Protein backbone atom coordinates (compact mmCIF):
# COMPACT_ATOMS: atom_id res chain seq x y z
CA UNK A 1 0.00 0.00 0.00
CA UNK A 2 1.53 3.30 -1.10
CA UNK A 3 0.73 5.79 1.67
CA UNK A 4 1.86 9.38 1.02
CA UNK A 5 4.71 10.38 3.35
CA UNK A 6 2.69 13.36 4.55
CA UNK A 7 0.11 11.01 6.05
CA UNK A 8 2.65 8.98 8.00
CA UNK A 9 3.50 11.99 10.17
CA UNK A 10 0.07 13.64 10.19
CA UNK A 11 -1.49 13.77 13.64
CA UNK A 12 -5.02 13.68 12.28
CA UNK A 13 -4.23 10.55 10.28
CA UNK A 14 -2.82 8.82 13.34
CA UNK A 15 -5.92 9.87 15.27
CA UNK A 16 -8.13 8.32 12.58
CA UNK A 17 -6.09 5.10 12.59
CA UNK A 18 -6.30 4.73 16.37
CA UNK A 19 -9.98 5.65 16.44
CA UNK A 20 -10.70 2.95 13.87
CA UNK A 21 -8.80 0.45 16.01
CA UNK A 22 -10.97 1.47 18.99
CA UNK A 23 -13.98 1.08 16.70
CA UNK A 24 -12.98 -2.52 16.05
CA UNK A 25 -13.03 -3.11 19.81
CA UNK A 26 -16.41 -1.39 20.11
CA UNK A 27 -17.79 -3.59 17.37
CA UNK A 28 -16.50 -6.70 19.15
CA UNK A 29 -18.14 -5.52 22.39
CA UNK A 30 -21.42 -4.90 20.53
CA UNK A 31 -21.32 -8.41 19.05
CA UNK A 32 -20.65 -9.80 22.52
CA UNK A 33 -23.61 -7.73 23.72
CA UNK A 34 -25.83 -9.33 21.10
CA UNK A 35 -24.78 -12.76 22.28
CA UNK A 36 -25.41 -11.79 25.91
CA UNK A 37 -28.84 -10.44 24.98
CA UNK A 38 -29.62 -13.62 23.10
CA UNK A 39 -28.78 -15.57 26.26
CA UNK A 40 -31.38 -13.53 28.15
CA UNK A 41 -29.25 -11.02 30.04
CA UNK A 42 -29.58 -7.23 30.07
CA UNK A 43 -28.56 -5.28 26.97
CA UNK A 44 -26.07 -2.93 28.66
CA UNK A 45 -23.07 -4.63 27.02
CA UNK A 46 -24.63 -4.01 23.61
CA UNK A 47 -25.28 -0.37 24.51
CA UNK A 48 -21.68 0.17 25.62
CA UNK A 49 -20.37 -1.42 22.42
CA UNK A 50 -22.63 0.75 20.28
CA UNK A 51 -21.58 3.93 22.09
CA UNK A 52 -17.88 3.07 21.69
CA UNK A 53 -18.38 2.22 18.02
CA UNK A 54 -20.33 5.40 17.24
CA UNK A 55 -17.84 7.65 19.04
CA UNK A 56 -14.94 5.96 17.25
CA UNK A 57 -16.71 6.40 13.91
CA UNK A 58 -17.09 10.15 14.47
CA UNK A 59 -13.43 10.57 15.46
CA UNK A 60 -12.29 8.38 12.55
CA UNK A 61 -14.26 10.43 10.03
CA UNK A 62 -13.03 13.72 11.47
CA UNK A 63 -9.40 12.60 11.37
CA UNK A 64 -9.81 11.17 7.88
CA UNK A 65 -11.25 14.37 6.41
CA UNK A 66 -8.84 16.67 8.28
CA UNK A 67 -5.84 14.68 7.10
CA UNK A 68 -7.13 14.57 3.53
CA UNK A 69 -7.66 18.32 3.61
CA UNK A 70 -4.04 18.86 4.74
CA UNK A 71 -2.58 16.88 1.82
CA UNK A 72 -1.20 18.70 -1.23
CA UNK A 73 -3.61 19.30 -4.09
CA UNK A 74 -2.85 16.01 -5.85
CA UNK A 75 -4.76 14.13 -3.16
CA UNK A 76 -5.57 10.44 -3.40
CA UNK A 77 -9.22 9.57 -3.91
CA UNK A 78 -11.57 8.69 -1.07
CA UNK A 79 -11.57 4.97 -1.91
CA UNK A 80 -7.81 4.64 -2.00
CA UNK A 81 -7.47 6.62 1.25
CA UNK A 82 -10.07 4.41 2.86
CA UNK A 83 -8.04 1.34 1.94
CA UNK A 84 -4.89 3.07 3.26
CA UNK A 85 -6.68 3.71 6.55
CA UNK A 86 -7.80 0.11 6.89
CA UNK A 87 -4.31 -1.08 5.94
CA UNK A 88 -2.69 1.16 8.56
CA UNK A 89 -4.99 -0.11 11.30
CA UNK A 90 -3.92 -3.72 10.83
CA UNK A 91 -0.27 -3.19 9.81
CA UNK A 92 1.53 -1.23 12.50
CA UNK A 93 4.89 0.21 11.52
CA UNK A 94 7.81 -0.04 13.93
CA UNK A 95 9.34 3.30 14.97
CA UNK A 96 12.58 2.56 13.11
CA UNK A 97 10.77 2.25 9.77
CA UNK A 98 9.09 5.65 10.04
CA UNK A 99 12.26 7.67 9.58
PDB file of N, CA and C in Angstrom:
ATOM      1  N   UNK A   1       0.858  -1.168   0.000  1.00  0.00           N
ATOM      2  CA  UNK A   1       0.000   0.000   0.000  1.00  0.00           C
ATOM      3  C   UNK A   1       0.902   1.227   0.000  1.00  0.00           C
ATOM      4  N   UNK A   2       0.699   2.123  -0.946  1.00  0.00           N
ATOM      5  CA  UNK A   2       1.533   3.304  -1.099  1.00  0.00           C
ATOM      6  C   UNK A   2       0.880   4.487  -0.391  1.00  0.00           C
ATOM      7  N   UNK A   3       1.264   4.697   0.873  1.00  0.00           N
ATOM      8  CA  UNK A   3       0.726   5.793   1.669  1.00  0.00           C
ATOM      9  C   UNK A   3       1.613   7.010   1.466  1.00  0.00           C
ATOM     10  N   UNK A   4       1.030   8.181   1.161  1.00  0.00           N
ATOM     11  CA  UNK A   4       1.862   9.382   1.024  1.00  0.00           C
ATOM     12  C   UNK A   4       2.629   9.663   2.318  1.00  0.00           C
ATOM     13  N   UNK A   5       3.873  10.116   2.170  1.00  0.00           N
ATOM     14  CA  UNK A   5       4.714  10.384   3.347  1.00  0.00           C
ATOM     15  C   UNK A   5       4.087  11.407   4.282  1.00  0.00           C
ATOM     16  N   UNK A   6       3.314  12.335   3.716  1.00  0.00           N
ATOM     17  CA  UNK A   6       2.685  13.355   4.551  1.00  0.00           C
ATOM     18  C   UNK A   6       1.717  12.733   5.558  1.00  0.00           C
ATOM     19  N   UNK A   7       1.079  11.642   5.158  1.00  0.00           N
ATOM     20  CA  UNK A   7       0.107  11.005   6.048  1.00  0.00           C
ATOM     21  C   UNK A   7       0.786  10.278   7.198  1.00  0.00           C
ATOM     22  N   UNK A   8       1.977   9.751   6.968  1.00  0.00           N
ATOM     23  CA  UNK A   8       2.652   8.981   8.003  1.00  0.00           C
ATOM     24  C   UNK A   8       2.945   9.815   9.239  1.00  0.00           C
ATOM     25  N   UNK A   9       3.157  11.108   9.062  1.00  0.00           N
ATOM     26  CA  UNK A   9       3.499  11.986  10.174  1.00  0.00           C
ATOM     27  C   UNK A   9       2.366  12.943  10.534  1.00  0.00           C
ATOM     28  N   UNK A  10       1.215  12.763   9.945  1.00  0.00           N
ATOM     29  CA  UNK A  10       0.069  13.636  10.188  1.00  0.00           C
ATOM     30  C   UNK A  10      -0.658  13.186  11.451  1.00  0.00           C
ATOM     31  N   UNK A  11      -0.825  14.098  12.388  1.00  0.00           N
ATOM     32  CA  UNK A  11      -1.490  13.768  13.644  1.00  0.00           C
ATOM     33  C   UNK A  11      -2.948  13.381  13.462  1.00  0.00           C
ATOM     34  N   UNK A  12      -3.621  14.026  12.530  1.00  0.00           N
ATOM     35  CA  UNK A  12      -5.023  13.684  12.282  1.00  0.00           C
ATOM     36  C   UNK A  12      -5.159  12.279  11.698  1.00  0.00           C
ATOM     37  N   UNK A  13      -4.212  11.902  10.857  1.00  0.00           N
ATOM     38  CA  UNK A  13      -4.233  10.552  10.280  1.00  0.00           C
ATOM     39  C   UNK A  13      -4.028   9.505  11.372  1.00  0.00           C
ATOM     40  N   UNK A  14      -3.054   9.761  12.240  1.00  0.00           N
ATOM     41  CA  UNK A  14      -2.815   8.820  13.344  1.00  0.00           C
ATOM     42  C   UNK A  14      -4.025   8.739  14.262  1.00  0.00           C
ATOM     43  N   UNK A  15      -4.708   9.876  14.466  1.00  0.00           N
ATOM     44  CA  UNK A  15      -5.918   9.873  15.274  1.00  0.00           C
ATOM     45  C   UNK A  15      -6.990   9.006  14.610  1.00  0.00           C
ATOM     46  N   UNK A  16      -7.130   9.120  13.303  1.00  0.00           N
ATOM     47  CA  UNK A  16      -8.126   8.318  12.582  1.00  0.00           C
ATOM     48  C   UNK A  16      -7.782   6.829  12.649  1.00  0.00           C
ATOM     49  N   UNK A  17      -6.505   6.509  12.527  1.00  0.00           N
ATOM     50  CA  UNK A  17      -6.090   5.102  12.592  1.00  0.00           C
ATOM     51  C   UNK A  17      -6.403   4.526  13.966  1.00  0.00           C
ATOM     52  N   UNK A  18      -6.050   5.243  15.021  1.00  0.00           N
ATOM     53  CA  UNK A  18      -6.301   4.732  16.368  1.00  0.00           C
ATOM     54  C   UNK A  18      -7.789   4.695  16.690  1.00  0.00           C
ATOM     55  N   UNK A  19      -8.539   5.665  16.204  1.00  0.00           N
ATOM     56  CA  UNK A  19      -9.982   5.651  16.435  1.00  0.00           C
ATOM     57  C   UNK A  19     -10.632   4.462  15.738  1.00  0.00           C
ATOM     58  N   UNK A  20     -10.151   4.121  14.559  1.00  0.00           N
ATOM     59  CA  UNK A  20     -10.701   2.954  13.872  1.00  0.00           C
ATOM     60  C   UNK A  20     -10.358   1.672  14.621  1.00  0.00           C
ATOM     61  N   UNK A  21      -9.164   1.612  15.198  1.00  0.00           N
ATOM     62  CA  UNK A  21      -8.804   0.453  16.011  1.00  0.00           C
ATOM     63  C   UNK A  21      -9.727   0.338  17.228  1.00  0.00           C
ATOM     64  N   UNK A  22     -10.024   1.473  17.862  1.00  0.00           N
ATOM     65  CA  UNK A  22     -10.966   1.469  18.990  1.00  0.00           C
ATOM     66  C   UNK A  22     -12.350   1.063  18.500  1.00  0.00           C
ATOM     67  N   UNK A  23     -12.701   1.479  17.279  1.00  0.00           N
ATOM     68  CA  UNK A  23     -13.983   1.083  16.699  1.00  0.00           C
ATOM     69  C   UNK A  23     -14.088  -0.418  16.509  1.00  0.00           C
ATOM     70  N   UNK A  24     -12.981  -1.060  16.158  1.00  0.00           N
ATOM     71  CA  UNK A  24     -12.985  -2.523  16.053  1.00  0.00           C
ATOM     72  C   UNK A  24     -13.329  -3.154  17.403  1.00  0.00           C
ATOM     73  N   UNK A  25     -12.748  -2.602  18.468  1.00  0.00           N
ATOM     74  CA  UNK A  25     -13.026  -3.114  19.811  1.00  0.00           C
ATOM     75  C   UNK A  25     -14.492  -2.880  20.166  1.00  0.00           C
ATOM     76  N   UNK A  26     -15.004  -1.686  19.847  1.00  0.00           N
ATOM     77  CA  UNK A  26     -16.406  -1.393  20.110  1.00  0.00           C
ATOM     78  C   UNK A  26     -17.335  -2.325  19.368  1.00  0.00           C
ATOM     79  N   UNK A  27     -16.978  -2.659  18.150  1.00  0.00           N
ATOM     80  CA  UNK A  27     -17.788  -3.595  17.366  1.00  0.00           C
ATOM     81  C   UNK A  27     -17.763  -4.986  17.994  1.00  0.00           C
ATOM     82  N   UNK A  28     -16.602  -5.404  18.482  1.00  0.00           N
ATOM     83  CA  UNK A  28     -16.504  -6.700  19.153  1.00  0.00           C
ATOM     84  C   UNK A  28     -17.338  -6.720  20.431  1.00  0.00           C
ATOM     85  N   UNK A  29     -17.334  -5.610  21.176  1.00  0.00           N
ATOM     86  CA  UNK A  29     -18.144  -5.524  22.390  1.00  0.00           C
ATOM     87  C   UNK A  29     -19.628  -5.560  22.034  1.00  0.00           C
ATOM     88  N   UNK A  30     -20.007  -4.886  20.957  1.00  0.00           N
ATOM     89  CA  UNK A  30     -21.416  -4.901  20.533  1.00  0.00           C
ATOM     90  C   UNK A  30     -21.848  -6.309  20.128  1.00  0.00           C
ATOM     91  N   UNK A  31     -20.989  -7.026  19.437  1.00  0.00           N
ATOM     92  CA  UNK A  31     -21.317  -8.409  19.052  1.00  0.00           C
ATOM     93  C   UNK A  31     -21.442  -9.277  20.299  1.00  0.00           C
ATOM     94  N   UNK A  32     -20.542  -9.072  21.254  1.00  0.00           N
ATOM     95  CA  UNK A  32     -20.653  -9.804  22.520  1.00  0.00           C
ATOM     96  C   UNK A  32     -21.953  -9.432  23.226  1.00  0.00           C
ATOM     97  N   UNK A  33     -22.348  -8.175  23.138  1.00  0.00           N
ATOM     98  CA  UNK A  33     -23.612  -7.732  23.722  1.00  0.00           C
ATOM     99  C   UNK A  33     -24.807  -8.403  23.088  1.00  0.00           C
ATOM    100  N   UNK A  34     -24.758  -8.602  21.770  1.00  0.00           N
ATOM    101  CA  UNK A  34     -25.834  -9.328  21.098  1.00  0.00           C
ATOM    102  C   UNK A  34     -25.934 -10.767  21.590  1.00  0.00           C
ATOM    103  N   UNK A  35     -24.787 -11.380  21.779  1.00  0.00           N
ATOM    104  CA  UNK A  35     -24.775 -12.760  22.281  1.00  0.00           C
ATOM    105  C   UNK A  35     -25.328 -12.809  23.702  1.00  0.00           C
ATOM    106  N   UNK A  36     -24.913 -11.845  24.538  1.00  0.00           N
ATOM    107  CA  UNK A  36     -25.405 -11.793  25.915  1.00  0.00           C
ATOM    108  C   UNK A  36     -26.917 -11.553  25.932  1.00  0.00           C
ATOM    109  N   UNK A  37     -27.390 -10.674  25.061  1.00  0.00           N
ATOM    110  CA  UNK A  37     -28.840 -10.441  24.984  1.00  0.00           C
ATOM    111  C   UNK A  37     -29.570 -11.696  24.542  1.00  0.00           C
ATOM    112  N   UNK A  38     -29.000 -12.402  23.604  1.00  0.00           N
ATOM    113  CA  UNK A  38     -29.617 -13.625  23.101  1.00  0.00           C
ATOM    114  C   UNK A  38     -29.734 -14.671  24.203  1.00  0.00           C
ATOM    115  N   UNK A  39     -28.760 -14.632  25.139  1.00  0.00           N
ATOM    116  CA  UNK A  39     -28.781 -15.573  26.262  1.00  0.00           C
ATOM    117  C   UNK A  39     -29.747 -15.134  27.367  1.00  0.00           C
ATOM    118  N   UNK A  40     -30.358 -13.974  27.218  1.00  0.00           N
ATOM    119  CA  UNK A  40     -31.383 -13.532  28.155  1.00  0.00           C
ATOM    120  C   UNK A  40     -30.926 -12.544  29.201  1.00  0.00           C
ATOM    121  N   UNK A  41     -29.725 -11.991  29.067  1.00  0.00           N
ATOM    122  CA  UNK A  41     -29.251 -11.015  30.039  1.00  0.00           C
ATOM    123  C   UNK A  41     -29.596  -9.606  29.576  1.00  0.00           C
ATOM    124  N   UNK A  42     -29.258  -8.620  30.395  1.00  0.00           N
ATOM    125  CA  UNK A  42     -29.577  -7.227  30.074  1.00  0.00           C
ATOM    126  C   UNK A  42     -28.733  -6.721  28.902  1.00  0.00           C
ATOM    127  N   UNK A  43     -29.253  -5.754  28.175  1.00  0.00           N
ATOM    128  CA  UNK A  43     -28.565  -5.275  26.966  1.00  0.00           C
ATOM    129  C   UNK A  43     -27.518  -4.192  27.204  1.00  0.00           C
ATOM    130  N   UNK A  44     -27.013  -4.018  28.417  1.00  0.00           N
ATOM    131  CA  UNK A  44     -26.071  -2.927  28.657  1.00  0.00           C
ATOM    132  C   UNK A  44     -24.749  -3.127  27.932  1.00  0.00           C
ATOM    133  N   UNK A  45     -24.324  -4.373  27.736  1.00  0.00           N
ATOM    134  CA  UNK A  45     -23.067  -4.625  27.016  1.00  0.00           C
ATOM    135  C   UNK A  45     -23.215  -4.177  25.564  1.00  0.00           C
ATOM    136  N   UNK A  46     -24.365  -4.456  24.978  1.00  0.00           N
ATOM    137  CA  UNK A  46     -24.634  -4.010  23.607  1.00  0.00           C
ATOM    138  C   UNK A  46     -24.623  -2.488  23.530  1.00  0.00           C
ATOM    139  N   UNK A  47     -25.238  -1.833  24.507  1.00  0.00           N
ATOM    140  CA  UNK A  47     -25.279  -0.370  24.510  1.00  0.00           C
ATOM    141  C   UNK A  47     -23.879   0.227  24.615  1.00  0.00           C
ATOM    142  N   UNK A  48     -23.051  -0.332  25.473  1.00  0.00           N
ATOM    143  CA  UNK A  48     -21.677   0.168  25.618  1.00  0.00           C
ATOM    144  C   UNK A  48     -20.909  -0.019  24.314  1.00  0.00           C
ATOM    145  N   UNK A  49     -21.042  -1.178  23.694  1.00  0.00           N
ATOM    146  CA  UNK A  49     -20.370  -1.419  22.422  1.00  0.00           C
ATOM    147  C   UNK A  49     -20.816  -0.462  21.331  1.00  0.00           C
ATOM    148  N   UNK A  50     -22.116  -0.184  21.286  1.00  0.00           N
ATOM    149  CA  UNK A  50     -22.633   0.753  20.277  1.00  0.00           C
ATOM    150  C   UNK A  50     -22.116   2.163  20.512  1.00  0.00           C
ATOM    151  N   UNK A  51     -22.078   2.584  21.771  1.00  0.00           N
ATOM    152  CA  UNK A  51     -21.576   3.931  22.088  1.00  0.00           C
ATOM    153  C   UNK A  51     -20.107   4.056  21.713  1.00  0.00           C
ATOM    154  N   UNK A  52     -19.309   3.052  22.056  1.00  0.00           N
ATOM    155  CA  UNK A  52     -17.879   3.071  21.688  1.00  0.00           C
ATOM    156  C   UNK A  52     -17.725   3.118  20.177  1.00  0.00           C
ATOM    157  N   UNK A  53     -18.494   2.284  19.476  1.00  0.00           N
ATOM    158  CA  UNK A  53     -18.375   2.220  18.023  1.00  0.00           C
ATOM    159  C   UNK A  53     -18.788   3.537  17.364  1.00  0.00           C
ATOM    160  N   UNK A  54     -19.884   4.134  17.824  1.00  0.00           N
ATOM    161  CA  UNK A  54     -20.327   5.399  17.240  1.00  0.00           C
ATOM    162  C   UNK A  54     -19.342   6.533  17.512  1.00  0.00           C
ATOM    163  N   UNK A  55     -18.821   6.609  18.731  1.00  0.00           N
ATOM    164  CA  UNK A  55     -17.841   7.652  19.041  1.00  0.00           C
ATOM    165  C   UNK A  55     -16.575   7.468  18.206  1.00  0.00           C
ATOM    166  N   UNK A  56     -16.134   6.230  18.066  1.00  0.00           N
ATOM    167  CA  UNK A  56     -14.944   5.963  17.253  1.00  0.00           C
ATOM    168  C   UNK A  56     -15.186   6.308  15.791  1.00  0.00           C
ATOM    169  N   UNK A  57     -16.392   6.065  15.308  1.00  0.00           N
ATOM    170  CA  UNK A  57     -16.710   6.397  13.912  1.00  0.00           C
ATOM    171  C   UNK A  57     -16.634   7.900  13.677  1.00  0.00           C
ATOM    172  N   UNK A  58     -17.137   8.688  14.615  1.00  0.00           N
ATOM    173  CA  UNK A  58     -17.092  10.147  14.470  1.00  0.00           C
ATOM    174  C   UNK A  58     -15.651  10.641  14.460  1.00  0.00           C
ATOM    175  N   UNK A  59     -14.831  10.141  15.388  1.00  0.00           N
ATOM    176  CA  UNK A  59     -13.430  10.565  15.460  1.00  0.00           C
ATOM    177  C   UNK A  59     -12.663  10.102  14.220  1.00  0.00           C
ATOM    178  N   UNK A  60     -12.950   8.895  13.760  1.00  0.00           N
ATOM    179  CA  UNK A  60     -12.294   8.381  12.549  1.00  0.00           C
ATOM    180  C   UNK A  60     -12.611   9.258  11.347  1.00  0.00           C
ATOM    181  N   UNK A  61     -13.869   9.590  11.159  1.00  0.00           N
ATOM    182  CA  UNK A  61     -14.255  10.433  10.026  1.00  0.00           C
ATOM    183  C   UNK A  61     -13.632  11.817  10.118  1.00  0.00           C
ATOM    184  N   UNK A  62     -13.634  12.399  11.309  1.00  0.00           N
ATOM    185  CA  UNK A  62     -13.030  13.722  11.473  1.00  0.00           C
ATOM    186  C   UNK A  62     -11.542  13.681  11.129  1.00  0.00           C
ATOM    187  N   UNK A  63     -10.826  12.711  11.670  1.00  0.00           N
ATOM    188  CA  UNK A  63      -9.396  12.602  11.373  1.00  0.00           C
ATOM    189  C   UNK A  63      -9.129  12.326   9.906  1.00  0.00           C
ATOM    190  N   UNK A  64      -9.959  11.496   9.301  1.00  0.00           N
ATOM    191  CA  UNK A  64      -9.814  11.169   7.881  1.00  0.00           C
ATOM    192  C   UNK A  64      -9.949  12.427   7.020  1.00  0.00           C
ATOM    193  N   UNK A  65     -11.024  13.188   7.242  1.00  0.00           N
ATOM    194  CA  UNK A  65     -11.252  14.369   6.414  1.00  0.00           C
ATOM    195  C   UNK A  65     -10.255  15.482   6.701  1.00  0.00           C
ATOM    196  N   UNK A  66      -9.852  15.655   7.970  1.00  0.00           N
ATOM    197  CA  UNK A  66      -8.837  16.669   8.278  1.00  0.00           C
ATOM    198  C   UNK A  66      -7.514  16.327   7.629  1.00  0.00           C
ATOM    199  N   UNK A  67      -7.117  15.065   7.702  1.00  0.00           N
ATOM    200  CA  UNK A  67      -5.837  14.679   7.103  1.00  0.00           C
ATOM    201  C   UNK A  67      -5.889  14.776   5.587  1.00  0.00           C
ATOM    202  N   UNK A  68      -7.016  14.446   4.986  1.00  0.00           N
ATOM    203  CA  UNK A  68      -7.135  14.566   3.526  1.00  0.00           C
ATOM    204  C   UNK A  68      -7.059  16.026   3.109  1.00  0.00           C
ATOM    205  N   UNK A  69      -7.672  16.890   3.911  1.00  0.00           N
ATOM    206  CA  UNK A  69      -7.659  18.324   3.609  1.00  0.00           C
ATOM    207  C   UNK A  69      -6.240  18.896   3.692  1.00  0.00           C
ATOM    208  N   UNK A  70      -5.404  18.355   4.559  1.00  0.00           N
ATOM    209  CA  UNK A  70      -4.045  18.865   4.736  1.00  0.00           C
ATOM    210  C   UNK A  70      -3.057  18.347   3.691  1.00  0.00           C
ATOM    211  N   UNK A  71      -3.466  17.384   2.870  1.00  0.00           N
ATOM    212  CA  UNK A  71      -2.578  16.880   1.824  1.00  0.00           C
ATOM    213  C   UNK A  71      -2.442  17.894   0.696  1.00  0.00           C
ATOM    214  N   UNK A  72      -1.338  17.829  -0.060  1.00  0.00           N
ATOM    215  CA  UNK A  72      -1.198  18.702  -1.225  1.00  0.00           C
ATOM    216  C   UNK A  72      -2.314  18.439  -2.242  1.00  0.00           C
ATOM    217  N   UNK A  73      -2.466  19.327  -3.176  1.00  0.00           N
ATOM    218  CA  UNK A  73      -3.608  19.303  -4.090  1.00  0.00           C
ATOM    219  C   UNK A  73      -3.752  18.018  -4.902  1.00  0.00           C
ATOM    220  N   UNK A  74      -2.701  17.286  -5.151  1.00  0.00           N
ATOM    221  CA  UNK A  74      -2.854  16.005  -5.854  1.00  0.00           C
ATOM    222  C   UNK A  74      -3.170  14.915  -4.832  1.00  0.00           C
ATOM    223  N   UNK A  75      -4.336  15.043  -4.226  1.00  0.00           N
ATOM    224  CA  UNK A  75      -4.757  14.127  -3.157  1.00  0.00           C
ATOM    225  C   UNK A  75      -5.217  12.802  -3.740  1.00  0.00           C
ATOM    226  N   UNK A  76      -5.002  11.729  -2.978  1.00  0.00           N
ATOM    227  CA  UNK A  76      -5.575  10.441  -3.400  1.00  0.00           C
ATOM    228  C   UNK A  76      -7.094  10.497  -3.275  1.00  0.00           C
ATOM    229  N   UNK A  77      -7.765   9.622  -3.974  1.00  0.00           N
ATOM    230  CA  UNK A  77      -9.217   9.566  -3.907  1.00  0.00           C
ATOM    231  C   UNK A  77      -9.695   9.009  -2.577  1.00  0.00           C
ATOM    232  N   UNK A  78     -11.001   9.171  -2.321  1.00  0.00           N
ATOM    233  CA  UNK A  78     -11.573   8.688  -1.065  1.00  0.00           C
ATOM    234  C   UNK A  78     -11.428   7.180  -0.912  1.00  0.00           C
ATOM    235  N   UNK A  79     -11.647   6.428  -1.995  1.00  0.00           N
ATOM    236  CA  UNK A  79     -11.566   4.967  -1.913  1.00  0.00           C
ATOM    237  C   UNK A  79     -10.160   4.508  -1.594  1.00  0.00           C
ATOM    238  N   UNK A  80      -9.177   5.076  -2.260  1.00  0.00           N
ATOM    239  CA  UNK A  80      -7.807   4.644  -1.997  1.00  0.00           C
ATOM    240  C   UNK A  80      -7.369   5.056  -0.591  1.00  0.00           C
ATOM    241  N   UNK A  81      -7.811   6.217  -0.121  1.00  0.00           N
ATOM    242  CA  UNK A  81      -7.468   6.624   1.246  1.00  0.00           C
ATOM    243  C   UNK A  81      -8.170   5.739   2.263  1.00  0.00           C
ATOM    244  N   UNK A  82      -9.362   5.302   1.953  1.00  0.00           N
ATOM    245  CA  UNK A  82     -10.073   4.409   2.858  1.00  0.00           C
ATOM    246  C   UNK A  82      -9.309   3.096   3.002  1.00  0.00           C
ATOM    247  N   UNK A  83      -8.825   2.571   1.874  1.00  0.00           N
ATOM    248  CA  UNK A  83      -8.044   1.339   1.936  1.00  0.00           C
ATOM    249  C   UNK A  83      -6.716   1.560   2.668  1.00  0.00           C
ATOM    250  N   UNK A  84      -6.113   2.743   2.515  1.00  0.00           N
ATOM    251  CA  UNK A  84      -4.895   3.068   3.258  1.00  0.00           C
ATOM    252  C   UNK A  84      -5.176   3.082   4.754  1.00  0.00           C
ATOM    253  N   UNK A  85      -6.317   3.642   5.135  1.00  0.00           N
ATOM    254  CA  UNK A  85      -6.679   3.710   6.549  1.00  0.00           C
ATOM    255  C   UNK A  85      -6.872   2.317   7.130  1.00  0.00           C
ATOM    256  N   UNK A  86      -7.594   1.476   6.426  1.00  0.00           N
ATOM    257  CA  UNK A  86      -7.804   0.108   6.894  1.00  0.00           C
ATOM    258  C   UNK A  86      -6.473  -0.634   6.961  1.00  0.00           C
ATOM    259  N   UNK A  87      -5.632  -0.437   5.960  1.00  0.00           N
ATOM    260  CA  UNK A  87      -4.307  -1.081   5.939  1.00  0.00           C
ATOM    261  C   UNK A  87      -3.483  -0.641   7.142  1.00  0.00           C
ATOM    262  N   UNK A  88      -3.489   0.652   7.444  1.00  0.00           N
ATOM    263  CA  UNK A  88      -2.694   1.162   8.559  1.00  0.00           C
ATOM    264  C   UNK A  88      -3.203   0.665   9.908  1.00  0.00           C
ATOM    265  N   UNK A  89      -4.487   0.363  10.016  1.00  0.00           N
ATOM    266  CA  UNK A  89      -4.993  -0.112  11.304  1.00  0.00           C
ATOM    267  C   UNK A  89      -4.551  -1.528  11.604  1.00  0.00           C
ATOM    268  N   UNK A  90      -4.308  -2.324  10.600  1.00  0.00           N
ATOM    269  CA  UNK A  90      -3.922  -3.718  10.835  1.00  0.00           C
ATOM    270  C   UNK A  90      -2.438  -3.973  10.623  1.00  0.00           C
ATOM    271  N   UNK A  91      -1.706  -3.034  10.045  1.00  0.00           N
ATOM    272  CA  UNK A  91      -0.267  -3.188   9.813  1.00  0.00           C
ATOM    273  C   UNK A  91       0.469  -2.046  10.506  1.00  0.00           C
ATOM    274  N   UNK A  92       0.798  -2.247  11.751  1.00  0.00           N
ATOM    275  CA  UNK A  92       1.532  -1.228  12.495  1.00  0.00           C
ATOM    276  C   UNK A  92       2.977  -1.168  12.007  1.00  0.00           C
ATOM    277  N   UNK A  93       3.502   0.030  11.912  1.00  0.00           N
ATOM    278  CA  UNK A  93       4.888   0.212  11.516  1.00  0.00           C
ATOM    279  C   UNK A  93       5.758   0.399  12.745  1.00  0.00           C
ATOM    280  N   UNK A  94       6.889  -0.291  12.812  1.00  0.00           N
ATOM    281  CA  UNK A  94       7.814  -0.036  13.930  1.00  0.00           C
ATOM    282  C   UNK A  94       8.391   1.374  13.829  1.00  0.00           C
ATOM    283  N   UNK A  95       8.810   1.922  14.939  1.00  0.00           N
ATOM    284  CA  UNK A  95       9.339   3.296  14.970  1.00  0.00           C
ATOM    285  C   UNK A  95      10.531   3.464  14.047  1.00  0.00           C
ATOM    286  N   UNK A  96      11.380   2.461  13.924  1.00  0.00           N
ATOM    287  CA  UNK A  96      12.581   2.561  13.111  1.00  0.00           C
ATOM    288  C   UNK A  96      12.251   2.713  11.636  1.00  0.00           C
ATOM    289  N   UNK A  97      11.135   2.161  11.182  1.00  0.00           N
ATOM    290  CA  UNK A  97      10.771   2.248   9.774  1.00  0.00           C
ATOM    291  C   UNK A  97      10.219   3.613   9.397  1.00  0.00           C
ATOM    292  N   UNK A  98       9.743   4.376  10.337  1.00  0.00           N
ATOM    293  CA  UNK A  98       9.089   5.648  10.038  1.00  0.00           C
ATOM    294  C   UNK A  98      10.068   6.732   9.606  1.00  0.00           C
ATOM    295  N   UNK A  99      11.307   6.603   9.922  1.00  0.00           N
ATOM    296  CA  UNK A  99      12.265   7.668   9.581  1.00  0.00           C
ATOM    297  C   UNK A  99      12.697   7.610   8.143  1.00  0.00           C
TER     298      UNK A  99
END
